[in-house]
Amino acid sequence: MRIAIPVCEGMLCPHFGRAEEFAIVDVINNKVTDVNHLTPPPHEPGVLPAWMHELRVDIIICSGMGPRAQAFFNQYGIRVIIGAPALPVEKTVSQYLAGVLPTGENVCDHH
């Protein structure tokens, strides 16, 4: 399983499209096996979903994302988990794997 997390200053970035980088976390048997921090391509509609698909991402954990962006990712079979708090990447992943990461509310600043 490969998880992508938008990152700003070492924490989960509340603004998905403005993330400085993405943590790409590989998980095998519920254990983190690898973490890479990658700079995303310039943000335009459809660019990040295609990029994540090329990286073989399975799940995105974020605070909020507009419905159109979620639909783009879903077309690639990438599951979007919204409502996650701004935590360090390691804590976000460990809480997700333990089933205790608070999620659900779409924290999205798009008007």
Protein backbone atom coordinates (compact mmCIF):
# COMPACT_ATOMS: atom_id res chain seq x y z
CA MET A 1 0.00 0.00 0.00
CA ARG A 2 1.31 3.45 -0.87
CA ILE A 3 0.03 6.51 0.99
CA ALA A 4 0.52 10.14 -0.10
CA ILE A 5 0.37 12.98 2.42
CA PRO A 6 0.64 16.69 1.53
CA VAL A 7 3.38 18.27 3.66
CA CYS A 8 4.17 21.83 4.77
CA GLU A 9 6.96 22.41 7.31
CA GLY A 10 7.09 18.72 8.25
CA MET A 11 3.38 18.46 9.06
CA LEU A 12 0.30 17.36 7.14
CA CYS A 13 -0.54 20.45 5.09
CA PRO A 14 -4.13 21.69 5.51
CA HIS A 15 -4.11 23.11 1.96
CA PHE A 16 -3.70 20.10 -0.35
CA GLY A 17 -2.96 22.11 -3.50
CA ARG A 18 -0.40 24.30 -1.76
CA ALA A 19 1.74 21.54 -0.29
CA GLU A 20 5.49 22.17 -0.59
CA GLU A 21 6.04 18.45 -0.95
CA PHE A 22 4.31 15.12 -0.59
CA ALA A 23 5.39 12.31 1.69
CA ILE A 24 5.03 9.06 -0.25
CA VAL A 25 4.84 6.29 2.37
CA ASP A 26 5.15 2.61 1.53
CA VAL A 27 3.40 0.22 3.90
CA ILE A 28 3.71 -3.57 3.87
CA ASN A 29 1.90 -5.73 6.46
CA ASN A 30 0.87 -2.58 8.39
CA LYS A 31 4.53 -1.49 8.76
CA VAL A 32 6.14 1.55 7.12
CA THR A 33 8.92 0.29 4.84
CA ASP A 34 9.89 3.51 3.05
CA VAL A 35 9.19 7.26 3.10
CA ASN A 36 10.12 9.60 0.26
CA HIS A 37 9.52 13.34 0.16
CA LEU A 38 8.81 14.52 -3.38
CA THR A 39 8.19 17.98 -4.81
CA PRO A 40 4.93 17.98 -6.78
CA PRO A 41 4.59 19.31 -10.32
CA PRO A 42 3.00 22.78 -10.73
CA HIS A 43 -0.58 22.68 -9.42
CA GLU A 44 -3.19 22.64 -12.17
CA PRO A 45 -6.46 20.67 -12.37
CA GLY A 46 -5.72 17.04 -13.18
CA VAL A 47 -1.92 17.27 -12.82
CA LEU A 48 -1.60 15.91 -9.27
CA PRO A 49 -3.97 12.96 -9.83
CA ALA A 50 -1.97 11.87 -12.91
CA TRP A 51 1.31 12.32 -11.01
CA MET A 52 0.05 10.28 -8.04
CA HIS A 53 -1.23 7.59 -10.40
CA GLU A 54 2.24 7.36 -11.98
CA LEU A 55 3.70 7.00 -8.47
CA ARG A 56 1.22 4.13 -7.84
CA VAL A 57 -0.37 5.87 -4.85
CA ASP A 58 -3.32 3.96 -3.32
CA ILE A 59 -4.49 6.40 -0.64
CA ILE A 60 -4.23 10.13 -0.01
CA ILE A 61 -4.62 11.38 3.56
CA CYS A 62 -5.42 15.10 3.74
CA SER A 63 -7.39 17.72 5.65
CA GLY A 64 -9.60 18.81 2.82
CA MET A 65 -10.06 18.59 -0.90
CA GLY A 66 -12.70 19.90 -3.26
CA PRO A 67 -15.20 17.40 -4.69
CA ARG A 68 -13.88 17.87 -8.25
CA ALA A 69 -10.33 17.00 -7.17
CA GLN A 70 -11.62 13.97 -5.22
CA ALA A 71 -13.41 12.79 -8.37
CA PHE A 72 -10.16 13.09 -10.37
CA PHE A 73 -8.34 10.86 -7.87
CA ASN A 74 -11.22 8.40 -7.70
CA GLN A 75 -11.05 7.98 -11.49
CA TYR A 76 -7.53 6.63 -10.98
CA GLY A 77 -8.69 4.34 -8.19
CA ILE A 78 -6.95 6.45 -5.54
CA ARG A 79 -8.88 6.63 -2.26
CA VAL A 80 -9.06 10.07 -0.63
CA ILE A 81 -9.32 10.27 3.15
CA ILE A 82 -10.29 13.75 4.33
CA GLY A 83 -10.53 15.52 7.66
CA ALA A 84 -7.10 14.54 8.99
CA PRO A 85 -5.49 16.94 11.48
CA ALA A 86 -2.16 18.72 10.87
CA LEU A 87 0.16 16.18 12.48
CA PRO A 88 3.72 15.07 11.66
CA VAL A 89 3.79 12.57 8.78
CA GLU A 90 4.94 9.65 10.99
CA LYS A 91 2.13 10.26 13.48
CA THR A 92 -0.45 10.60 10.69
CA VAL A 93 0.58 7.24 9.21
CA SER A 94 0.86 5.42 12.54
CA GLN A 95 -2.58 6.67 13.63
CA TYR A 96 -4.07 5.70 10.25
CA LEU A 97 -2.59 2.20 10.43
CA ALA A 98 -3.84 1.81 14.01
CA GLY A 99 -7.34 2.90 12.91
CA VAL A 100 -7.40 5.91 15.25
CA LEU A 101 -6.71 8.83 12.88
CA PRO A 102 -9.53 11.39 13.25
CA THR A 103 -11.06 11.88 9.78
CA GLY A 104 -14.39 12.60 8.15
CA GLU A 105 -15.06 16.31 7.97
CA ASN A 106 -13.84 17.89 4.76
CA VAL A 107 -11.69 20.80 5.92
CA CYS A 108 -11.62 22.62 2.61
CA ASP A 109 -11.03 26.33 2.12
CA HIS A 110 -12.29 26.50 -1.47
CA HIS A 111 -15.09 29.03 -1.89
